[in-house]
Amino acid sequence: MPSPLRRRILPLAALAAAAALALSACSGSSGAASSDANGELVWGVDGSLLSAGKMDPQTSQLDVTAMVQRAVLDSLVFQKPDGSFVPWLAKKWEVSEDGTAYTFHLRDDVTFTDGEKFDAAAVKANFDRIADPATKSAQAASMLGGELYKGTEVIDPTTVKVTFSQPYAPFLQAASTAQLGFYAPKVLKENAADLAAGGKGVTVGTGPFRISSYTPDQEIVYTRNAKYSWAPEGMKAPEFTTLRVQILPEASVRSGSVTSGEIDLASQLPPNLVSQVKGKAAVTSVRVPGLPYSLFLNEKNGVFSDQKVREAFTRAIDVDTAVDKIFFGQFPRAWSILGPTTPGYDKGLEKSWPFDKDRANALLDEAGWTQRGADGVRMKDGHRLTANWIAWTPVSDDHAALANAVQSDLKAVGFEITRETLEPGAYNAKYGPKTFDITDWDFSGVDPDLLRPHLATDGFQNASSVSDPRLDQLLKDGIATTDDAARAKVYAQVQEWNAEQDAIVPLYVTSAITAVGERVSGLTFDIYGRPLFFGTSVK
């Protein structure tokens, strides 16, 4: 095993890309002489979904949840932009020779903001809560190994051992995330049911801030934890007192507000607004690792049970033109179900499935869809070639434009795509029983194991209804393999499987675009492109 104090999981190409992005994603310099230690930093985010009980990273799958609650929840280790790991709440760690056990040696000077001491028992309480089926902690539970998680053992107050039923290579990366961050034990005992709603006295962690007030759909106010002295190795506590998170669903409002100076930081900006950020605000863009924005084709519900129809769908979309036009060259076209900055990315798939209208038409002919209705839609045995696309509201303008482009391209080959934008309840009513044909999302993640929940037969995000024993075995091999090069070969096979089967159609690679106002100094970003406030100051 690599050294327990410095493990690297990124291949050299990904390391270089991540390092380059990290260098471009810094604003100002820390420790400015004019900084205000009692100052306030105002941060605009699209947190419109947080009010729907999504304030708990241990149960929410929303990126924005992990992004804002990082201010409260610390992790055992910290992953730097170059992919290496450094100590945080754990001073050091060892991995067993067989890869089934991780032993963490904890700091002894950490306290939760309610006064409780952080110790091995707190680690166990949080991990066991995540693993408990009653918690319904889909993403975090998967990151904790799912059924592979055997348990957490308290060796002594500052030593904890996490054990799995087989080698589990992704765990150290998972242990660096807010999803596996730590709540105070008292909160878990007395307020666990309220964590999804969040708020003062409920969202209690060891982080550099505590929540002092939360008004759903309006703002979250975090106040600096005055006792905080356990930032990740090489970092220091924030140098301002108040972090005010304003929930601004409209991206144009966020960009306009940072330009005018009403807010200091605007996250989740779309590409079309980059040019509208004026004045002294600086824009940074960090390419997000994980699953690119993709269309998921449900193999079990309708016409996509035929692989030829899935391939025709894929080839009929002029992805390059649509992505370049709609995203102003800010987001590259995707070729694989892993983004280029994700470990294990298969560069060999680039240019492997270009737009080919003639090929799409030929495939649909081969599949028997040779007749045409009066409106030009293909027919077979009296049935129309049609697929229903469900989308979760709110839908951004660029995603609406992309959907229109896809529908237009498919119409050109006689394939009808109907689209429904649904509120969460109506969406889940179709998503749960898989009574849809297409849905869409992207998913951030640094470890390629993120493909397991999307493609394994029992994966909780298996929107394509995939069930292939060969693929299941590859995904199992991926988590059991500890050698980086060997893991990359496994995940190359997974990506190649998808390229052959067209279960997921990747369209573009997302970047986290952030505008930073002139009052902010020393701001850096994590490996996902999310703002970090360690060492950050405001004038």
Protein backbone atom coordinates (compact mmCIF):
# COMPACT_ATOMS: atom_id res chain seq x y z
CA MET A 1 0.00 0.00 0.00
CA PRO A 2 1.13 3.62 -0.56
CA SER A 3 2.20 5.68 2.41
CA PRO A 4 -0.81 6.25 4.72
CA LEU A 5 0.06 9.93 5.01
CA ARG A 6 0.24 10.71 1.30
CA ARG A 7 -1.89 8.57 -0.98
CA ARG A 8 -2.43 9.61 -4.58
CA ILE A 9 -5.26 8.16 -6.60
CA LEU A 10 -5.10 10.30 -9.73
CA PRO A 11 -3.25 9.20 -12.86
CA LEU A 12 -0.53 11.59 -14.02
CA ALA A 13 -2.67 13.16 -16.75
CA ALA A 14 -5.48 13.88 -14.33
CA LEU A 15 -3.02 15.18 -11.76
CA ALA A 16 -1.61 17.65 -14.24
CA ALA A 17 -5.05 18.83 -15.27
CA ALA A 18 -6.21 19.20 -11.69
CA ALA A 19 -3.08 21.12 -10.72
CA ALA A 20 -3.49 23.50 -13.66
CA LEU A 21 -7.09 24.14 -12.72
CA ALA A 22 -6.17 24.74 -9.11
CA LEU A 23 -3.62 27.35 -10.13
CA SER A 24 -6.24 29.19 -12.14
CA ALA A 25 -8.76 29.04 -9.34
CA CYS A 26 -7.28 31.36 -6.73
CA SER A 27 -8.31 34.91 -6.05
CA GLY A 28 -6.02 37.42 -4.42
CA SER A 29 -3.62 36.57 -1.65
CA SER A 30 -4.21 35.71 1.97
CA GLY A 31 -3.34 37.87 4.91
CA ALA A 32 -4.03 41.24 3.30
CA ALA A 33 -3.07 44.09 5.62
CA SER A 34 -6.45 45.75 5.13
CA SER A 35 -8.50 42.64 5.93
CA ASP A 36 -11.36 42.89 8.42
CA ALA A 37 -11.32 40.04 10.96
CA ASN A 38 -14.84 41.02 12.01
CA GLY A 39 -16.05 41.32 8.44
CA GLU A 40 -18.82 39.59 6.53
CA LEU A 41 -18.56 37.69 3.26
CA VAL A 42 -21.82 37.44 1.29
CA TRP A 43 -22.11 34.41 -0.97
CA GLY A 44 -24.87 33.97 -3.57
CA VAL A 45 -25.90 30.42 -4.45
CA ASP A 46 -28.77 28.62 -6.14
CA GLY A 47 -30.09 26.95 -3.01
CA SER A 48 -33.72 26.75 -4.12
CA LEU A 49 -33.90 23.02 -3.37
CA LEU A 50 -32.45 23.26 0.13
CA SER A 51 -35.82 24.22 1.60
CA ALA A 52 -37.22 20.85 0.47
CA GLY A 53 -35.44 19.13 3.36
CA LYS A 54 -32.03 18.90 1.71
CA MET A 55 -29.75 20.47 4.34
CA ASP A 56 -28.13 17.19 5.40
CA PRO A 57 -25.20 16.00 3.22
CA GLN A 58 -25.50 12.55 4.77
CA THR A 59 -28.92 12.12 3.12
CA SER A 60 -29.03 14.69 0.29
CA GLN A 61 -27.56 14.00 -3.15
CA LEU A 62 -27.43 17.71 -4.07
CA ASP A 63 -24.02 19.25 -4.75
CA VAL A 64 -25.20 22.53 -3.23
CA THR A 65 -25.86 20.78 0.10
CA ALA A 66 -22.28 19.56 0.35
CA MET A 67 -21.01 22.93 -0.89
CA VAL A 68 -22.64 25.11 1.77
CA GLN A 69 -22.50 22.64 4.67
CA ARG A 70 -18.75 22.17 4.23
CA ALA A 71 -18.59 25.31 6.42
CA VAL A 72 -19.92 23.24 9.33
CA LEU A 73 -18.84 19.67 8.69
CA ASP A 74 -15.18 18.62 8.78
CA SER A 75 -13.80 15.31 7.51
CA LEU A 76 -11.18 12.81 8.57
CA VAL A 77 -8.85 13.74 5.69
CA PHE A 78 -8.60 16.48 3.09
CA GLN A 79 -8.04 15.92 -0.62
CA LYS A 80 -5.95 18.58 -2.31
CA PRO A 81 -6.57 19.70 -5.90
CA ASP A 82 -3.65 17.53 -7.06
CA GLY A 83 -5.41 14.43 -5.70
CA SER A 84 -3.19 13.83 -2.67
CA PHE A 85 -4.55 13.43 0.86
CA VAL A 86 -3.42 15.32 3.96
CA PRO A 87 -4.47 15.11 7.62
CA TRP A 88 -7.53 16.91 8.93
CA LEU A 89 -9.45 15.47 11.88
CA ALA A 90 -7.24 12.41 11.57
CA LYS A 91 -3.52 13.01 12.23
CA LYS A 92 -2.52 9.88 10.32
CA TRP A 93 -3.97 6.63 9.07
CA GLU A 94 -3.06 3.14 7.94
CA VAL A 95 -4.69 0.81 5.46
CA SER A 96 -4.48 -2.93 6.07
CA GLU A 97 -2.47 -5.02 3.62
CA ASP A 98 -5.62 -6.63 2.26
CA GLY A 99 -7.36 -3.24 1.81
CA THR A 100 -10.33 -4.13 4.04
CA ALA A 101 -9.58 -1.95 7.07
CA TYR A 102 -8.70 1.74 7.56
CA THR A 103 -7.38 2.82 10.96
CA PHE A 104 -7.47 6.53 11.76
CA HIS A 105 -5.55 8.23 14.56
CA LEU A 106 -7.56 11.30 15.54
CA ARG A 107 -6.58 14.68 16.87
CA ASP A 108 -7.32 15.04 20.58
CA ASP A 109 -8.02 18.79 20.59
CA VAL A 110 -11.17 18.97 18.43
CA THR A 111 -14.58 19.92 19.81
CA PHE A 112 -18.02 20.32 18.28
CA THR A 113 -19.54 23.78 18.50
CA ASP A 114 -21.95 22.56 21.21
CA GLY A 115 -18.92 21.76 23.42
CA GLU A 116 -18.82 18.00 22.90
CA LYS A 117 -15.47 16.40 22.24
CA PHE A 118 -14.78 14.89 18.83
CA ASP A 119 -13.51 11.35 19.29
CA ALA A 120 -13.67 7.83 17.91
CA ALA A 121 -17.17 7.33 19.29
CA ALA A 122 -18.37 10.34 17.26
CA VAL A 123 -16.91 8.81 14.09
CA LYS A 124 -18.68 5.53 14.79
CA ALA A 125 -22.00 7.24 15.56
CA ASN A 126 -21.95 9.16 12.26
CA PHE A 127 -20.85 6.26 10.07
CA ASP A 128 -23.32 3.87 11.65
CA ARG A 129 -26.08 6.42 11.14
CA ILE A 130 -25.20 6.72 7.45
CA ALA A 131 -25.16 2.93 7.05
CA ASP A 132 -28.50 2.45 8.85
CA PRO A 133 -31.17 1.70 6.19
CA ALA A 134 -33.66 3.77 8.22
CA THR A 135 -31.59 6.88 7.47
CA LYS A 136 -32.24 6.44 3.72
CA SER A 137 -28.76 7.75 3.04
CA ALA A 138 -28.37 6.62 -0.57
CA GLN A 139 -25.31 8.53 -1.80
CA ALA A 140 -23.38 8.76 1.47
CA ALA A 141 -24.17 5.12 2.24
CA SER A 142 -22.84 4.10 -1.17
CA MET A 143 -19.67 6.13 -0.54
CA LEU A 144 -19.33 4.33 2.79
CA GLY A 145 -19.31 1.05 0.88
CA GLY A 146 -22.97 0.12 1.04
CA GLU A 147 -23.30 -3.56 1.87
CA LEU A 148 -19.51 -3.83 2.07
CA TYR A 149 -19.41 -1.70 5.24
CA LYS A 150 -18.96 -4.06 8.19
CA GLY A 151 -18.71 -1.43 10.88
CA THR A 152 -16.62 1.05 12.81
CA GLU A 153 -14.70 -0.06 15.88
CA VAL A 154 -13.61 2.29 18.65
CA ILE A 155 -10.10 1.14 19.55
CA ASP A 156 -9.60 3.95 22.07
CA PRO A 157 -10.84 7.58 22.26
CA THR A 158 -8.45 8.72 19.53
CA THR A 159 -8.24 5.59 17.38
CA VAL A 160 -10.99 4.25 15.16
CA LYS A 161 -11.03 1.35 12.71
CA VAL A 162 -13.41 1.18 9.74
CA THR A 163 -13.79 -2.31 8.25
CA PHE A 164 -15.21 -3.63 4.99
CA SER A 165 -16.06 -7.16 3.87
CA GLN A 166 -13.63 -6.89 0.95
CA PRO A 167 -10.97 -4.44 -0.24
CA TYR A 168 -12.62 -1.05 -0.70
CA ALA A 169 -10.29 1.30 -2.58
CA PRO A 170 -12.57 4.39 -2.82
CA PHE A 171 -12.93 4.87 0.93
CA LEU A 172 -10.18 7.40 1.63
CA GLN A 173 -11.55 9.72 -1.05
CA ALA A 174 -15.06 9.27 0.33
CA ALA A 175 -13.78 10.06 3.82
CA SER A 176 -12.63 13.47 2.57
CA THR A 177 -16.13 14.63 1.59
CA ALA A 178 -18.85 16.54 3.39
CA GLN A 179 -21.17 13.57 2.84
CA LEU A 180 -19.05 11.66 5.35
CA GLY A 181 -18.55 14.68 7.60
CA PHE A 182 -19.44 14.67 11.29
CA TYR A 183 -22.36 15.86 13.38
CA ALA A 184 -22.21 16.18 17.16
CA PRO A 185 -23.29 12.92 18.88
CA LYS A 186 -25.94 14.74 20.91
CA VAL A 187 -27.53 15.98 17.69
CA LEU A 188 -27.61 12.44 16.31
CA LYS A 189 -29.36 11.23 19.46
CA GLU A 190 -31.84 14.07 19.90
CA ASN A 191 -32.31 15.80 16.54
CA ALA A 192 -31.53 13.27 13.81
CA ALA A 193 -35.02 13.66 12.36
CA ASP A 194 -34.44 17.41 11.98
CA LEU A 195 -31.07 17.29 10.21
CA ALA A 196 -32.65 17.36 6.75
CA ALA A 197 -34.38 20.63 7.63
CA GLY A 198 -31.23 21.97 9.28
CA GLY A 199 -30.76 25.15 11.25
CA LYS A 200 -29.33 26.64 14.42
CA GLY A 201 -28.73 24.09 17.16
CA VAL A 202 -29.41 21.26 14.71
CA THR A 203 -26.63 21.45 12.12
CA VAL A 204 -23.82 21.15 14.67
CA GLY A 205 -20.34 20.11 13.57
CA THR A 206 -16.67 20.81 14.26
CA GLY A 207 -16.24 23.13 11.27
CA PRO A 208 -14.83 26.67 11.02
CA PHE A 209 -18.40 28.04 11.18
CA ARG A 210 -21.66 27.34 12.96
CA ILE A 211 -25.16 28.14 11.71
CA SER A 212 -26.52 31.13 13.61
CA SER A 213 -29.74 31.46 11.57
CA TYR A 214 -31.46 29.84 8.61
CA THR A 215 -34.43 31.26 6.72
CA PRO A 216 -35.52 28.76 4.04
CA ASP A 217 -35.49 30.16 0.49
CA GLN A 218 -33.73 33.30 1.74
CA GLU A 219 -30.43 32.87 3.55
CA ILE A 220 -28.17 30.85 5.81
CA VAL A 221 -26.00 32.83 8.21
CA TYR A 222 -22.83 31.14 9.46
CA THR A 223 -20.73 32.62 12.27
CA ARG A 224 -17.05 31.83 12.73
CA ASN A 225 -16.16 29.16 15.26
CA ALA A 226 -13.79 31.13 17.49
CA LYS A 227 -12.16 27.96 18.83
CA TYR A 228 -11.33 26.54 15.41
CA SER A 229 -7.66 25.56 15.15
CA TRP A 230 -7.73 22.25 13.25
CA ALA A 231 -7.89 23.23 9.60
CA PRO A 232 -6.51 20.71 7.07
CA GLU A 233 -2.73 20.42 7.08
CA GLY A 234 -1.15 23.49 5.47
CA MET A 235 -4.28 25.65 5.87
CA LYS A 236 -5.63 28.02 8.49
CA ALA A 237 -8.97 29.20 9.79
CA PRO A 238 -11.04 31.80 7.87
CA GLU A 239 -10.12 35.39 8.68
CA PHE A 240 -13.62 36.87 8.75
CA THR A 241 -16.53 36.48 11.17
CA THR A 242 -19.75 36.06 9.19
CA LEU A 243 -20.50 33.98 6.12
CA ARG A 244 -23.90 35.02 4.80
CA VAL A 245 -25.24 32.66 2.15
CA GLN A 246 -27.98 34.30 0.12
CA ILE A 247 -30.24 31.94 -1.78
CA LEU A 248 -30.59 33.49 -5.23
CA PRO A 249 -32.07 30.99 -7.70
CA GLU A 250 -31.74 33.32 -10.70
CA ALA A 251 -28.20 33.13 -12.10
CA SER A 252 -28.52 36.59 -13.64
CA VAL A 253 -29.26 38.01 -10.21
CA ARG A 254 -26.16 36.35 -8.79
CA SER A 255 -23.91 37.64 -11.57
CA GLY A 256 -25.40 41.13 -11.41
CA SER A 257 -25.10 41.26 -7.64
CA VAL A 258 -21.41 40.36 -7.62
CA THR A 259 -20.74 42.94 -10.34
CA SER A 260 -22.52 45.66 -8.32
CA GLY A 261 -20.80 44.64 -5.09
CA GLU A 262 -24.02 43.62 -3.33
CA ILE A 263 -22.53 40.18 -2.80
CA ASP A 264 -18.89 39.10 -2.66
CA LEU A 265 -19.12 35.69 -4.25
CA ALA A 266 -21.44 34.16 -6.86
CA SER A 267 -21.38 30.40 -7.45
CA GLN A 268 -23.03 28.12 -10.02
CA LEU A 269 -22.86 30.64 -12.86
CA PRO A 270 -23.83 29.44 -16.35
CA PRO A 271 -21.48 30.06 -19.29
CA ASN A 272 -23.71 32.66 -20.95
CA LEU A 273 -23.29 35.01 -17.98
CA VAL A 274 -19.49 34.93 -17.78
CA SER A 275 -19.16 37.92 -20.10
CA GLN A 276 -21.70 39.85 -18.04
CA VAL A 277 -19.56 39.84 -14.90
CA LYS A 278 -18.10 43.32 -14.99
CA GLY A 279 -15.99 45.63 -12.89
CA LYS A 280 -13.34 44.23 -10.60
CA ALA A 281 -14.99 40.86 -10.02
CA ALA A 282 -12.87 37.93 -11.23
CA VAL A 283 -14.30 34.78 -12.79
CA THR A 284 -12.77 31.36 -12.13
CA SER A 285 -13.71 28.08 -13.77
CA VAL A 286 -12.79 24.65 -12.44
CA ARG A 287 -13.68 21.58 -14.49
CA VAL A 288 -15.76 19.27 -12.31
CA PRO A 289 -14.70 15.62 -12.04
CA GLY A 290 -17.36 12.94 -12.26
CA LEU A 291 -20.15 11.98 -14.63
CA PRO A 292 -20.73 14.64 -17.31
CA TYR A 293 -24.20 16.01 -17.96
CA SER A 294 -25.86 13.04 -19.63
CA LEU A 295 -29.08 11.54 -20.92
CA PHE A 296 -30.08 8.23 -19.34
CA LEU A 297 -31.94 5.89 -21.69
CA ASN A 298 -34.27 3.51 -19.85
CA GLU A 299 -33.82 0.07 -21.40
CA LYS A 300 -36.78 -1.51 -19.62
CA ASN A 301 -39.66 0.85 -20.40
CA GLY A 302 -40.08 1.34 -24.14
CA VAL A 303 -38.24 1.67 -27.45
CA PHE A 304 -34.79 1.80 -25.83
CA SER A 305 -34.89 -1.92 -25.12
CA ASP A 306 -33.43 -2.21 -28.63
CA GLN A 307 -29.71 -1.39 -28.65
CA LYS A 308 -29.94 -0.27 -32.28
CA VAL A 309 -32.50 2.36 -31.30
CA ARG A 310 -30.25 3.54 -28.46
CA GLU A 311 -27.29 3.82 -30.82
CA ALA A 312 -29.39 5.63 -33.43
CA PHE A 313 -30.51 8.09 -30.75
CA THR A 314 -26.89 8.72 -29.81
CA ARG A 315 -25.68 9.22 -33.38
CA ALA A 316 -28.60 11.47 -34.36
CA ILE A 317 -27.63 14.26 -31.92
CA ASP A 318 -25.24 16.94 -33.20
CA VAL A 319 -23.65 17.27 -29.77
CA ASP A 320 -20.67 19.39 -30.82
CA THR A 321 -22.77 22.13 -32.42
CA ALA A 322 -25.36 22.25 -29.65
CA VAL A 323 -22.85 22.32 -26.79
CA ASP A 324 -20.59 24.91 -28.41
CA LYS A 325 -23.48 27.22 -29.26
CA ILE A 326 -25.42 26.92 -26.00
CA PHE A 327 -22.45 26.98 -23.61
CA PHE A 328 -20.32 29.58 -25.42
CA GLY A 329 -17.29 27.32 -25.58
CA GLN A 330 -17.05 27.19 -21.77
CA PHE A 331 -18.02 23.51 -21.47
CA PRO A 332 -16.38 20.89 -23.71
CA ARG A 333 -18.37 18.18 -25.43
CA ALA A 334 -18.26 14.89 -23.48
CA TRP A 335 -17.16 11.59 -25.00
CA SER A 336 -17.32 9.29 -22.00
CA ILE A 337 -19.29 8.72 -18.82
CA LEU A 338 -16.28 10.00 -16.86
CA GLY A 339 -15.05 13.55 -17.31
CA PRO A 340 -11.45 14.23 -18.39
CA THR A 341 -10.31 15.29 -14.89
CA THR A 342 -11.67 12.10 -13.31
CA PRO A 343 -9.25 9.25 -12.48
CA GLY A 344 -9.62 6.43 -14.97
CA TYR A 345 -10.91 8.61 -17.82
CA ASP A 346 -10.64 6.72 -21.12
CA LYS A 347 -9.15 9.20 -23.57
CA GLY A 348 -9.41 6.58 -26.30
CA LEU A 349 -13.16 7.19 -26.56
CA GLU A 350 -12.66 10.74 -27.81
CA LYS A 351 -14.05 11.23 -31.34
CA SER A 352 -15.38 7.65 -31.25
CA TRP A 353 -19.08 8.43 -31.79
CA PRO A 354 -19.47 11.56 -33.91
CA PHE A 355 -22.76 12.95 -35.20
CA ASP A 356 -23.88 10.76 -38.09
CA LYS A 357 -27.44 11.31 -39.31
CA ASP A 358 -27.10 8.74 -42.09
CA ARG A 359 -25.93 6.09 -39.63
CA ALA A 360 -28.85 6.93 -37.31
CA ASN A 361 -31.35 6.51 -40.14
CA ALA A 362 -29.78 3.22 -41.20
CA LEU A 363 -29.92 1.84 -37.67
CA LEU A 364 -33.59 2.74 -37.30
CA ASP A 365 -34.32 1.06 -40.61
CA GLU A 366 -32.49 -2.06 -39.40
CA ALA A 367 -34.57 -1.96 -36.21
CA GLY A 368 -37.75 -2.11 -38.27
CA TRP A 369 -38.90 1.49 -37.94
CA THR A 370 -39.29 1.92 -41.69
CA GLN A 371 -42.78 3.37 -42.02
CA ARG A 372 -43.68 7.03 -41.51
CA GLY A 373 -46.72 8.76 -40.11
CA ALA A 374 -48.25 11.87 -41.65
CA ASP A 375 -46.08 14.04 -39.38
CA GLY A 376 -42.87 12.24 -40.38
CA VAL A 377 -42.52 10.17 -37.21
CA ARG A 378 -41.35 6.61 -37.84
CA MET A 379 -43.80 3.76 -37.30
CA LYS A 380 -43.59 0.00 -36.71
CA ASP A 381 -46.50 -2.38 -36.25
CA GLY A 382 -48.82 0.56 -35.78
CA HIS A 383 -46.69 2.15 -33.02
CA ARG A 384 -44.91 5.51 -33.18
CA LEU A 385 -41.18 5.83 -32.51
CA THR A 386 -41.49 8.05 -29.47
CA ALA A 387 -39.76 8.49 -26.12
CA ASN A 388 -40.78 10.46 -23.05
CA TRP A 389 -38.12 12.63 -21.35
CA ILE A 390 -38.77 13.66 -17.74
CA ALA A 391 -36.83 16.58 -16.23
CA TRP A 392 -36.70 17.80 -12.63
CA THR A 393 -37.68 21.44 -12.12
CA PRO A 394 -36.35 24.05 -12.06
CA VAL A 395 -34.88 23.70 -15.56
CA SER A 396 -32.21 26.24 -16.50
CA ASP A 397 -32.45 28.18 -19.76
CA ASP A 398 -29.38 26.44 -21.19
CA HIS A 399 -30.76 22.98 -20.39
CA ALA A 400 -34.05 23.95 -22.01
CA ALA A 401 -32.16 25.09 -25.10
CA LEU A 402 -30.15 21.86 -25.16
CA ALA A 403 -33.34 19.82 -24.89
CA ASN A 404 -34.82 21.71 -27.83
CA ALA A 405 -31.70 20.95 -29.89
CA VAL A 406 -31.90 17.25 -29.03
CA GLN A 407 -35.60 17.10 -29.89
CA SER A 408 -34.97 18.87 -33.20
CA ASP A 409 -32.11 16.53 -34.16
CA LEU A 410 -34.14 13.43 -33.34
CA LYS A 411 -37.16 14.76 -35.21
CA ALA A 412 -34.95 14.99 -38.31
CA VAL A 413 -34.59 11.18 -38.31
CA GLY A 414 -38.25 10.55 -37.49
CA PHE A 415 -37.80 10.04 -33.73
CA GLU A 416 -40.33 11.89 -31.55
CA ILE A 417 -39.14 13.07 -28.13
CA THR A 418 -41.78 14.43 -25.76
CA ARG A 419 -40.53 16.28 -22.71
CA GLU A 420 -42.10 16.89 -19.32
CA THR A 421 -40.67 19.26 -16.72
CA LEU A 422 -42.01 17.98 -13.42
CA GLU A 423 -42.12 19.11 -9.81
CA PRO A 424 -40.30 16.73 -7.44
CA GLY A 425 -43.39 14.73 -6.45
CA ALA A 426 -44.55 14.18 -10.02
CA TYR A 427 -40.99 13.41 -11.14
CA ASN A 428 -40.51 10.76 -8.46
CA ALA A 429 -43.88 9.22 -9.32
CA LYS A 430 -42.42 8.34 -12.73
CA TYR A 431 -38.78 7.89 -11.76
CA GLY A 432 -39.45 5.41 -8.95
CA PRO A 433 -41.25 2.75 -11.03
CA LYS A 434 -39.13 3.69 -14.10
CA THR A 435 -42.15 4.66 -16.21
CA PHE A 436 -40.15 7.03 -18.40
CA ASP A 437 -37.76 6.70 -21.31
CA ILE A 438 -35.18 9.46 -20.77
CA THR A 439 -34.00 11.57 -17.88
CA ASP A 440 -30.94 13.75 -17.35
CA TRP A 441 -28.35 14.96 -14.83
CA ASP A 442 -24.65 15.27 -14.09
CA PHE A 443 -22.93 13.96 -10.98
CA SER A 444 -19.73 15.20 -9.37
CA GLY A 445 -17.25 12.75 -7.93
CA VAL A 446 -13.51 12.20 -7.82
CA ASP A 447 -13.41 8.41 -7.61
CA PRO A 448 -14.64 6.45 -10.65
CA ASP A 449 -16.65 4.27 -8.26
CA LEU A 450 -19.37 6.90 -8.82
CA LEU A 451 -20.30 4.76 -11.85
CA ARG A 452 -21.39 1.89 -9.59
CA PRO A 453 -24.64 3.47 -8.37
CA HIS A 454 -25.41 4.52 -11.95
CA LEU A 455 -24.74 1.20 -13.70
CA ALA A 456 -24.82 -1.68 -11.22
CA THR A 457 -27.96 -3.82 -11.31
CA ASP A 458 -28.86 -2.69 -7.78
CA GLY A 459 -27.47 0.84 -8.15
CA PHE A 460 -29.64 3.48 -6.52
CA GLN A 461 -29.13 5.84 -9.49
CA ASN A 462 -29.49 3.22 -12.21
CA ALA A 463 -31.91 5.30 -14.29
CA SER A 464 -31.13 3.22 -17.39
CA SER A 465 -32.36 0.01 -15.70
CA VAL A 466 -29.09 -1.68 -16.67
CA SER A 467 -28.60 -5.27 -15.56
CA ASP A 468 -25.50 -6.99 -16.94
CA PRO A 469 -23.56 -9.56 -14.87
CA ARG A 470 -20.34 -8.76 -16.73
CA LEU A 471 -20.68 -5.07 -15.92
CA ASP A 472 -21.58 -5.82 -12.30
CA GLN A 473 -18.37 -7.82 -11.98
CA LEU A 474 -16.29 -4.99 -13.46
CA LEU A 475 -17.77 -2.55 -10.96
CA LYS A 476 -16.99 -4.95 -8.12
CA ASP A 477 -13.45 -5.36 -9.42
CA GLY A 478 -13.05 -1.59 -9.49
CA ILE A 479 -13.67 -1.15 -5.78
CA ALA A 480 -11.59 -4.18 -4.81
CA THR A 481 -8.52 -3.13 -6.81
CA THR A 482 -6.02 -0.94 -4.94
CA ASP A 483 -3.43 -0.45 -7.68
CA ASP A 484 -4.15 2.78 -9.58
CA ALA A 485 -3.10 1.49 -13.01
CA ALA A 486 -5.11 -1.70 -12.62
CA ARG A 487 -8.17 0.28 -11.50
CA ALA A 488 -7.85 2.55 -14.53
CA LYS A 489 -7.97 -0.51 -16.81
CA VAL A 490 -11.12 -1.76 -15.09
CA TYR A 491 -12.91 1.55 -15.46
CA ALA A 492 -11.77 1.85 -19.08
CA GLN A 493 -13.70 -1.37 -19.68
CA VAL A 494 -16.75 0.09 -17.93
CA GLN A 495 -16.64 3.18 -20.14
CA GLU A 496 -16.16 1.04 -23.25
CA TRP A 497 -19.15 -1.08 -22.23
CA ASN A 498 -21.30 2.03 -22.15
CA ALA A 499 -19.93 3.22 -25.49
CA GLU A 500 -21.09 -0.10 -26.97
CA GLN A 501 -24.43 -0.29 -25.19
CA ASP A 502 -25.45 3.41 -25.16
CA ALA A 503 -27.16 3.21 -21.79
CA ILE A 504 -25.96 6.70 -20.86
CA VAL A 505 -25.37 9.43 -23.46
CA PRO A 506 -22.81 11.97 -22.15
CA LEU A 507 -23.26 15.46 -23.64
CA TYR A 508 -20.95 17.98 -21.96
CA VAL A 509 -18.42 18.32 -19.16
CA THR A 510 -19.48 20.76 -16.47
CA SER A 511 -17.24 23.42 -14.94
CA ALA A 512 -17.87 25.16 -11.64
CA ILE A 513 -17.91 28.85 -12.57
CA THR A 514 -17.55 31.34 -9.73
CA ALA A 515 -17.32 35.13 -9.70
CA VAL A 516 -15.27 36.62 -6.85
CA GLY A 517 -15.62 40.25 -5.79
CA GLU A 518 -12.68 42.56 -5.10
CA ARG A 519 -13.19 42.49 -1.30
CA VAL A 520 -12.22 38.81 -1.12
CA SER A 521 -8.62 37.67 -0.73
CA GLY A 522 -7.08 34.23 -0.38
CA LEU A 523 -10.05 32.27 -1.67
CA THR A 524 -9.22 28.81 -3.02
CA PHE A 525 -11.31 25.97 -4.38
CA ASP A 526 -11.53 22.29 -3.62
CA ILE A 527 -11.11 19.52 -6.18
CA TYR A 528 -14.78 19.89 -7.16
CA GLY A 529 -14.45 23.63 -7.81
CA ARG A 530 -16.37 24.57 -4.65
CA PRO A 531 -15.16 27.60 -2.66
CA LEU A 532 -12.99 26.95 0.38
CA PHE A 533 -12.76 29.62 3.04
CA PHE A 534 -9.64 28.45 4.86
CA GLY A 535 -7.32 31.46 5.07
CA THR A 536 -9.81 33.68 3.23
CA SER A 537 -10.19 37.31 4.28
CA VAL A 538 -12.40 40.26 3.32
CA LYS A 539 -11.50 43.95 3.20
